[in-house]
């Protein structure tokens, strides 16, 4: 996965998130999907940051890996 495809996936997730947030009265499935999107966005933003950091350090950005939700969701802001 390259930076362009990571960004494309992030943009797709953000578009889906905007559609759900614009809807009124989300049912349980839609609310769950909204939560899943939030986690997945965190994962893909983290992946993009990893790729950029590796590249800046002169390393291969393809060494970056999608980290599990339990890791990215526990980052301190």
PDB file of N, CA and C in Angstrom:
ATOM      1  N   UNK A   1       0.865  -1.170   0.000  1.00  0.00           N
ATOM      2  CA  UNK A   1       0.000   0.000   0.000  1.00  0.00           C
ATOM      3  C   UNK A   1       0.914   1.236   0.000  1.00  0.00           C
ATOM      4  N   UNK A   2       0.683   2.160  -0.898  1.00  0.00           N
ATOM      5  CA  UNK A   2       1.481   3.384  -0.946  1.00  0.00           C
ATOM      6  C   UNK A   2       0.714   4.540  -0.304  1.00  0.00           C
ATOM      7  N   UNK A   3       1.386   5.690  -0.178  1.00  0.00           N
ATOM      8  CA  UNK A   3       0.760   6.840   0.482  1.00  0.00           C
ATOM      9  C   UNK A   3      -0.534   7.253  -0.214  1.00  0.00           C
ATOM     10  N   UNK A   4      -0.523   7.209  -1.522  1.00  0.00           N
ATOM     11  CA  UNK A   4      -1.710   7.627  -2.278  1.00  0.00           C
ATOM     12  C   UNK A   4      -2.904   6.720  -1.969  1.00  0.00           C
ATOM     13  N   UNK A   5      -2.688   5.434  -1.895  1.00  0.00           N
ATOM     14  CA  UNK A   5      -3.803   4.527  -1.600  1.00  0.00           C
ATOM     15  C   UNK A   5      -4.249   4.647  -0.141  1.00  0.00           C
ATOM     16  N   UNK A   6      -3.302   4.909   0.767  1.00  0.00           N
ATOM     17  CA  UNK A   6      -3.666   5.133   2.171  1.00  0.00           C
ATOM     18  C   UNK A   6      -4.536   6.379   2.275  1.00  0.00           C
ATOM     19  N   UNK A   7      -4.097   7.452   1.623  1.00  0.00           N
ATOM     20  CA  UNK A   7      -4.891   8.688   1.646  1.00  0.00           C
ATOM     21  C   UNK A   7      -6.253   8.498   0.985  1.00  0.00           C
ATOM     22  N   UNK A   8      -6.298   7.738  -0.099  1.00  0.00           N
ATOM     23  CA  UNK A   8      -7.578   7.460  -0.751  1.00  0.00           C
ATOM     24  C   UNK A   8      -8.531   6.731   0.167  1.00  0.00           C
ATOM     25  N   UNK A   9      -8.007   5.772   0.916  1.00  0.00           N
ATOM     26  CA  UNK A   9      -8.851   5.028   1.859  1.00  0.00           C
ATOM     27  C   UNK A   9      -9.338   5.951   2.969  1.00  0.00           C
ATOM     28  N   UNK A  10      -8.454   6.814   3.460  1.00  0.00           N
ATOM     29  CA  UNK A  10      -8.840   7.780   4.494  1.00  0.00           C
ATOM     30  C   UNK A  10      -9.954   8.679   3.964  1.00  0.00           C
ATOM     31  N   UNK A  11      -9.818   9.168   2.745  1.00  0.00           N
ATOM     32  CA  UNK A  11     -10.846  10.034   2.156  1.00  0.00           C
ATOM     33  C   UNK A  11     -12.175   9.307   2.012  1.00  0.00           C
ATOM     34  N   UNK A  12     -12.125   8.039   1.612  1.00  0.00           N
ATOM     35  CA  UNK A  12     -13.363   7.245   1.495  1.00  0.00           C
ATOM     36  C   UNK A  12     -14.034   7.092   2.855  1.00  0.00           C
ATOM     37  N   UNK A  13     -13.234   6.798   3.879  1.00  0.00           N
ATOM     38  CA  UNK A  13     -13.789   6.644   5.230  1.00  0.00           C
ATOM     39  C   UNK A  13     -14.384   7.951   5.728  1.00  0.00           C
ATOM     40  N   UNK A  14     -13.699   9.054   5.456  1.00  0.00           N
ATOM     41  CA  UNK A  14     -14.207  10.352   5.901  1.00  0.00           C
ATOM     42  C   UNK A  14     -15.510  10.708   5.192  1.00  0.00           C
ATOM     43  N   UNK A  15     -15.633  10.357   3.920  1.00  0.00           N
ATOM     44  CA  UNK A  15     -16.879  10.612   3.191  1.00  0.00           C
ATOM     45  C   UNK A  15     -18.016   9.791   3.794  1.00  0.00           C
ATOM     46  N   UNK A  16     -17.745   8.530   4.113  1.00  0.00           N
ATOM     47  CA  UNK A  16     -18.773   7.690   4.727  1.00  0.00           C
ATOM     48  C   UNK A  16     -19.144   8.235   6.102  1.00  0.00           C
ATOM     49  N   UNK A  17     -18.146   8.673   6.854  1.00  0.00           N
ATOM     50  CA  UNK A  17     -18.399   9.252   8.174  1.00  0.00           C
ATOM     51  C   UNK A  17     -19.278  10.499   8.059  1.00  0.00           C
ATOM     52  N   UNK A  18     -18.985  11.367   7.094  1.00  0.00           N
ATOM     53  CA  UNK A  18     -19.796  12.578   6.891  1.00  0.00           C
ATOM     54  C   UNK A  18     -21.240  12.214   6.546  1.00  0.00           C
ATOM     55  N   UNK A  19     -21.432  11.206   5.702  1.00  0.00           N
ATOM     56  CA  UNK A  19     -22.797  10.780   5.347  1.00  0.00           C
ATOM     57  C   UNK A  19     -23.556  10.306   6.581  1.00  0.00           C
ATOM     58  N   UNK A  20     -22.883   9.519   7.409  1.00  0.00           N
ATOM     59  CA  UNK A  20     -23.550   9.018   8.611  1.00  0.00           C
ATOM     60  C   UNK A  20     -23.838  10.151   9.598  1.00  0.00           C
ATOM     61  N   UNK A  21     -22.901  11.062   9.750  1.00  0.00           N
ATOM     62  CA  UNK A  21     -23.106  12.165  10.686  1.00  0.00           C
ATOM     63  C   UNK A  21     -24.208  13.105  10.217  1.00  0.00           C
ATOM     64  N   UNK A  22     -24.411  13.180   8.910  1.00  0.00           N
ATOM     65  CA  UNK A  22     -25.459  14.050   8.373  1.00  0.00           C
ATOM     66  C   UNK A  22     -26.844  13.424   8.510  1.00  0.00           C
ATOM     67  N   UNK A  23     -26.890  12.118   8.690  1.00  0.00           N
ATOM     68  CA  UNK A  23     -28.174  11.420   8.819  1.00  0.00           C
ATOM     69  C   UNK A  23     -28.773  11.706  10.198  1.00  0.00           C
ATOM     70  N   UNK A  24     -30.079  11.645  10.247  1.00  0.00           N
ATOM     71  CA  UNK A  24     -30.750  11.831  11.534  1.00  0.00           C
ATOM     72  C   UNK A  24     -31.239  10.483  12.032  1.00  0.00           C
ATOM     73  N   UNK A  25     -31.116  10.275  13.329  1.00  0.00           N
ATOM     74  CA  UNK A  25     -31.632   9.054  13.933  1.00  0.00           C
ATOM     75  C   UNK A  25     -30.932   7.795  13.473  1.00  0.00           C
ATOM     76  N   UNK A  26     -29.634   7.706  13.713  1.00  0.00           N
ATOM     77  CA  UNK A  26     -28.898   6.504  13.335  1.00  0.00           C
ATOM     78  C   UNK A  26     -29.405   5.299  14.112  1.00  0.00           C
ATOM     79  N   UNK A  27     -29.562   4.180  13.405  1.00  0.00           N
ATOM     80  CA  UNK A  27     -29.920   2.956  14.118  1.00  0.00           C
ATOM     81  C   UNK A  27     -28.646   2.345  14.712  1.00  0.00           C
ATOM     82  N   UNK A  28     -28.786   1.258  15.421  1.00  0.00           N
ATOM     83  CA  UNK A  28     -27.644   0.652  16.121  1.00  0.00           C
ATOM     84  C   UNK A  28     -26.546   0.231  15.155  1.00  0.00           C
ATOM     85  N   UNK A  29     -26.919  -0.330  14.002  1.00  0.00           N
ATOM     86  CA  UNK A  29     -25.915  -0.744  13.015  1.00  0.00           C
ATOM     87  C   UNK A  29     -25.145   0.449  12.473  1.00  0.00           C
ATOM     88  N   UNK A  30     -25.846   1.533  12.209  1.00  0.00           N
ATOM     89  CA  UNK A  30     -25.191   2.736  11.693  1.00  0.00           C
ATOM     90  C   UNK A  30     -24.286   3.362  12.756  1.00  0.00           C
ATOM     91  N   UNK A  31     -24.726   3.353  13.992  1.00  0.00           N
ATOM     92  CA  UNK A  31     -23.898   3.876  15.078  1.00  0.00           C
ATOM     93  C   UNK A  31     -22.642   3.027  15.247  1.00  0.00           C
ATOM     94  N   UNK A  32     -22.805   1.708  15.165  1.00  0.00           N
ATOM     95  CA  UNK A  32     -21.644   0.815  15.250  1.00  0.00           C
ATOM     96  C   UNK A  32     -20.680   1.075  14.106  1.00  0.00           C
ATOM     97  N   UNK A  33     -21.222   1.266  12.897  1.00  0.00           N
ATOM     98  CA  UNK A  33     -20.365   1.545  11.742  1.00  0.00           C
ATOM     99  C   UNK A  33     -19.622   2.863  11.936  1.00  0.00           C
ATOM    100  N   UNK A  34     -20.279   3.856  12.474  1.00  0.00           N
ATOM    101  CA  UNK A  34     -19.642   5.143  12.741  1.00  0.00           C
ATOM    102  C   UNK A  34     -18.471   4.963  13.709  1.00  0.00           C
ATOM    103  N   UNK A  35     -18.662   4.153  14.730  1.00  0.00           N
ATOM    104  CA  UNK A  35     -17.584   3.861  15.681  1.00  0.00           C
ATOM    105  C   UNK A  35     -16.441   3.111  15.002  1.00  0.00           C
ATOM    106  N   UNK A  36     -16.778   2.141  14.145  1.00  0.00           N
ATOM    107  CA  UNK A  36     -15.762   1.383  13.417  1.00  0.00           C
ATOM    108  C   UNK A  36     -14.948   2.304  12.507  1.00  0.00           C
ATOM    109  N   UNK A  37     -15.621   3.221  11.861  1.00  0.00           N
ATOM    110  CA  UNK A  37     -14.946   4.169  10.972  1.00  0.00           C
ATOM    111  C   UNK A  37     -13.939   4.999  11.767  1.00  0.00           C
ATOM    112  N   UNK A  38     -14.333   5.447  12.951  1.00  0.00           N
ATOM    113  CA  UNK A  38     -13.424   6.228  13.791  1.00  0.00           C
ATOM    114  C   UNK A  38     -12.156   5.467  14.119  1.00  0.00           C
ATOM    115  N   UNK A  39     -12.296   4.202  14.462  1.00  0.00           N
ATOM    116  CA  UNK A  39     -11.138   3.365  14.776  1.00  0.00           C
ATOM    117  C   UNK A  39     -10.285   3.159  13.528  1.00  0.00           C
ATOM    118  N   UNK A  40     -10.927   2.847  12.415  1.00  0.00           N
ATOM    119  CA  UNK A  40     -10.196   2.604  11.173  1.00  0.00           C
ATOM    120  C   UNK A  40      -9.470   3.867  10.708  1.00  0.00           C
ATOM    121  N   UNK A  41     -10.102   5.018  10.878  1.00  0.00           N
ATOM    122  CA  UNK A  41      -9.421   6.271  10.533  1.00  0.00           C
ATOM    123  C   UNK A  41      -8.165   6.451  11.381  1.00  0.00           C
ATOM    124  N   UNK A  42      -8.268   6.176  12.672  1.00  0.00           N
ATOM    125  CA  UNK A  42      -7.091   6.277  13.536  1.00  0.00           C
ATOM    126  C   UNK A  42      -5.981   5.342  13.057  1.00  0.00           C
ATOM    127  N   UNK A  43      -6.353   4.126  12.655  1.00  0.00           N
ATOM    128  CA  UNK A  43      -5.369   3.164  12.174  1.00  0.00           C
ATOM    129  C   UNK A  43      -4.673   3.661  10.901  1.00  0.00           C
ATOM    130  N   UNK A  44      -5.445   4.187   9.977  1.00  0.00           N
ATOM    131  CA  UNK A  44      -4.869   4.599   8.700  1.00  0.00           C
ATOM    132  C   UNK A  44      -4.083   5.903   8.808  1.00  0.00           C
ATOM    133  N   UNK A  45      -4.504   6.822   9.683  1.00  0.00           N
ATOM    134  CA  UNK A  45      -3.690   8.011   9.924  1.00  0.00           C
ATOM    135  C   UNK A  45      -2.366   7.593  10.557  1.00  0.00           C
ATOM    136  N   UNK A  46      -2.404   6.648  11.476  1.00  0.00           N
ATOM    137  CA  UNK A  46      -1.186   6.133  12.094  1.00  0.00           C
ATOM    138  C   UNK A  46      -0.282   5.492  11.042  1.00  0.00           C
ATOM    139  N   UNK A  47      -0.865   4.712  10.151  1.00  0.00           N
ATOM    140  CA  UNK A  47      -0.088   4.074   9.084  1.00  0.00           C
ATOM    141  C   UNK A  47       0.592   5.126   8.215  1.00  0.00           C
ATOM    142  N   UNK A  48      -0.125   6.167   7.873  1.00  0.00           N
ATOM    143  CA  UNK A  48       0.448   7.229   7.050  1.00  0.00           C
ATOM    144  C   UNK A  48       1.594   7.927   7.797  1.00  0.00           C
ATOM    145  N   UNK A  49       1.406   8.186   9.085  1.00  0.00           N
ATOM    146  CA  UNK A  49       2.482   8.799   9.875  1.00  0.00           C
ATOM    147  C   UNK A  49       3.706   7.880   9.941  1.00  0.00           C
ATOM    148  N   UNK A  50       3.475   6.583  10.096  1.00  0.00           N
ATOM    149  CA  UNK A  50       4.586   5.632  10.113  1.00  0.00           C
ATOM    150  C   UNK A  50       5.348   5.674   8.793  1.00  0.00           C
ATOM    151  N   UNK A  51       4.614   5.667   7.685  1.00  0.00           N
ATOM    152  CA  UNK A  51       5.246   5.680   6.357  1.00  0.00           C
ATOM    153  C   UNK A  51       6.090   6.939   6.183  1.00  0.00           C
ATOM    154  N   UNK A  52       5.558   8.071   6.590  1.00  0.00           N
ATOM    155  CA  UNK A  52       6.287   9.336   6.445  1.00  0.00           C
ATOM    156  C   UNK A  52       7.521   9.361   7.344  1.00  0.00           C
ATOM    157  N   UNK A  53       7.395   8.854   8.562  1.00  0.00           N
ATOM    158  CA  UNK A  53       8.533   8.824   9.480  1.00  0.00           C
ATOM    159  C   UNK A  53       9.631   7.909   8.942  1.00  0.00           C
ATOM    160  N   UNK A  54       9.253   6.762   8.439  1.00  0.00           N
ATOM    161  CA  UNK A  54      10.248   5.851   7.870  1.00  0.00           C
ATOM    162  C   UNK A  54      10.953   6.492   6.682  1.00  0.00           C
ATOM    163  N   UNK A  55      10.191   7.121   5.823  1.00  0.00           N
ATOM    164  CA  UNK A  55      10.773   7.786   4.656  1.00  0.00           C
ATOM    165  C   UNK A  55      11.734   8.892   5.099  1.00  0.00           C
ATOM    166  N   UNK A  56      11.320   9.700   6.079  1.00  0.00           N
ATOM    167  CA  UNK A  56      12.164  10.790   6.580  1.00  0.00           C
ATOM    168  C   UNK A  56      13.454  10.268   7.210  1.00  0.00           C
ATOM    169  N   UNK A  57      13.395   9.062   7.755  1.00  0.00           N
ATOM    170  CA  UNK A  57      14.571   8.460   8.382  1.00  0.00           C
ATOM    171  C   UNK A  57      15.425   7.698   7.375  1.00  0.00           C
ATOM    172  N   UNK A  58      15.044   7.755   6.099  1.00  0.00           N
ATOM    173  CA  UNK A  58      15.810   7.054   5.063  1.00  0.00           C
ATOM    174  C   UNK A  58      15.515   5.578   4.986  1.00  0.00           C
ATOM    175  N   UNK A  59      14.442   5.158   5.607  1.00  0.00           N
ATOM    176  CA  UNK A  59      14.038   3.749   5.606  1.00  0.00           C
ATOM    177  C   UNK A  59      12.953   3.518   4.553  1.00  0.00           C
ATOM    178  N   UNK A  60      12.619   2.269   4.359  1.00  0.00           N
ATOM    179  CA  UNK A  60      11.595   1.876   3.403  1.00  0.00           C
ATOM    180  C   UNK A  60      10.210   2.079   4.023  1.00  0.00           C
ATOM    181  N   UNK A  61       9.382   2.967   3.458  1.00  0.00           N
ATOM    182  CA  UNK A  61       8.048   3.195   4.028  1.00  0.00           C
ATOM    183  C   UNK A  61       7.143   1.974   3.952  1.00  0.00           C
ATOM    184  N   UNK A  62       7.482   1.021   3.096  1.00  0.00           N
ATOM    185  CA  UNK A  62       6.671  -0.190   3.009  1.00  0.00           C
ATOM    186  C   UNK A  62       6.833  -1.096   4.224  1.00  0.00           C
ATOM    187  N   UNK A  63       7.749  -0.738   5.117  1.00  0.00           N
ATOM    188  CA  UNK A  63       7.903  -1.493   6.364  1.00  0.00           C
ATOM    189  C   UNK A  63       6.821  -1.125   7.380  1.00  0.00           C
ATOM    190  N   UNK A  64       6.109  -0.037   7.129  1.00  0.00           N
ATOM    191  CA  UNK A  64       5.026   0.377   8.036  1.00  0.00           C
ATOM    192  C   UNK A  64       3.923  -0.671   8.017  1.00  0.00           C
ATOM    193  N   UNK A  65       3.327  -0.869   9.162  1.00  0.00           N
ATOM    194  CA  UNK A  65       2.258  -1.864   9.284  1.00  0.00           C
ATOM    195  C   UNK A  65       1.036  -1.243   9.940  1.00  0.00           C
ATOM    196  N   UNK A  66      -0.121  -1.708   9.519  1.00  0.00           N
ATOM    197  CA  UNK A  66      -1.373  -1.289  10.136  1.00  0.00           C
ATOM    198  C   UNK A  66      -1.408  -1.876  11.547  1.00  0.00           C
ATOM    199  N   UNK A  67      -1.455  -1.002  12.530  1.00  0.00           N
ATOM    200  CA  UNK A  67      -1.441  -1.466  13.921  1.00  0.00           C
ATOM    201  C   UNK A  67      -2.861  -1.813  14.368  1.00  0.00           C
ATOM    202  N   UNK A  68      -2.984  -2.741  15.308  1.00  0.00           N
ATOM    203  CA  UNK A  68      -4.312  -3.140  15.784  1.00  0.00           C
ATOM    204  C   UNK A  68      -5.017  -1.996  16.511  1.00  0.00           C
ATOM    205  N   UNK A  69      -6.346  -2.037  16.512  1.00  0.00           N
ATOM    206  CA  UNK A  69      -7.123  -0.978  17.175  1.00  0.00           C
ATOM    207  C   UNK A  69      -6.711  -0.754  18.619  1.00  0.00           C
ATOM    208  N   UNK A  70      -6.408  -1.803  19.340  1.00  0.00           N
ATOM    209  CA  UNK A  70      -6.048  -1.663  20.748  1.00  0.00           C
ATOM    210  C   UNK A  70      -4.816  -0.807  20.979  1.00  0.00           C
ATOM    211  N   UNK A  71      -3.960  -0.737  19.984  1.00  0.00           N
ATOM    212  CA  UNK A  71      -2.756   0.086  20.110  1.00  0.00           C
ATOM    213  C   UNK A  71      -3.069   1.525  19.750  1.00  0.00           C
ATOM    214  N   UNK A  72      -3.658   1.753  18.582  1.00  0.00           N
ATOM    215  CA  UNK A  72      -3.879   3.138  18.145  1.00  0.00           C
ATOM    216  C   UNK A  72      -4.945   3.844  18.972  1.00  0.00           C
ATOM    217  N   UNK A  73      -5.861   3.115  19.530  1.00  0.00           N
ATOM    218  CA  UNK A  73      -6.911   3.731  20.336  1.00  0.00           C
ATOM    219  C   UNK A  73      -6.423   4.122  21.724  1.00  0.00           C
ATOM    220  N   UNK A  74      -5.260   3.627  22.113  1.00  0.00           N
ATOM    221  CA  UNK A  74      -4.733   3.941  23.440  1.00  0.00           C
ATOM    222  C   UNK A  74      -3.628   4.987  23.408  1.00  0.00           C
ATOM    223  N   UNK A  75      -3.373   5.573  22.237  1.00  0.00           N
ATOM    224  CA  UNK A  75      -2.409   6.666  22.157  1.00  0.00           C
ATOM    225  C   UNK A  75      -2.915   7.844  22.966  1.00  0.00           C
ATOM    226  N   UNK A  76      -2.006   8.527  23.622  1.00  0.00           N
ATOM    227  CA  UNK A  76      -2.398   9.750  24.331  1.00  0.00           C
ATOM    228  C   UNK A  76      -2.384  10.896  23.356  1.00  0.00           C
ATOM    229  N   UNK A  77      -3.388  11.743  23.437  1.00  0.00           N
ATOM    230  CA  UNK A  77      -3.487  12.890  22.536  1.00  0.00           C
ATOM    231  C   UNK A  77      -2.742  14.064  23.089  1.00  0.00           C
TER     232      UNK A  77
END
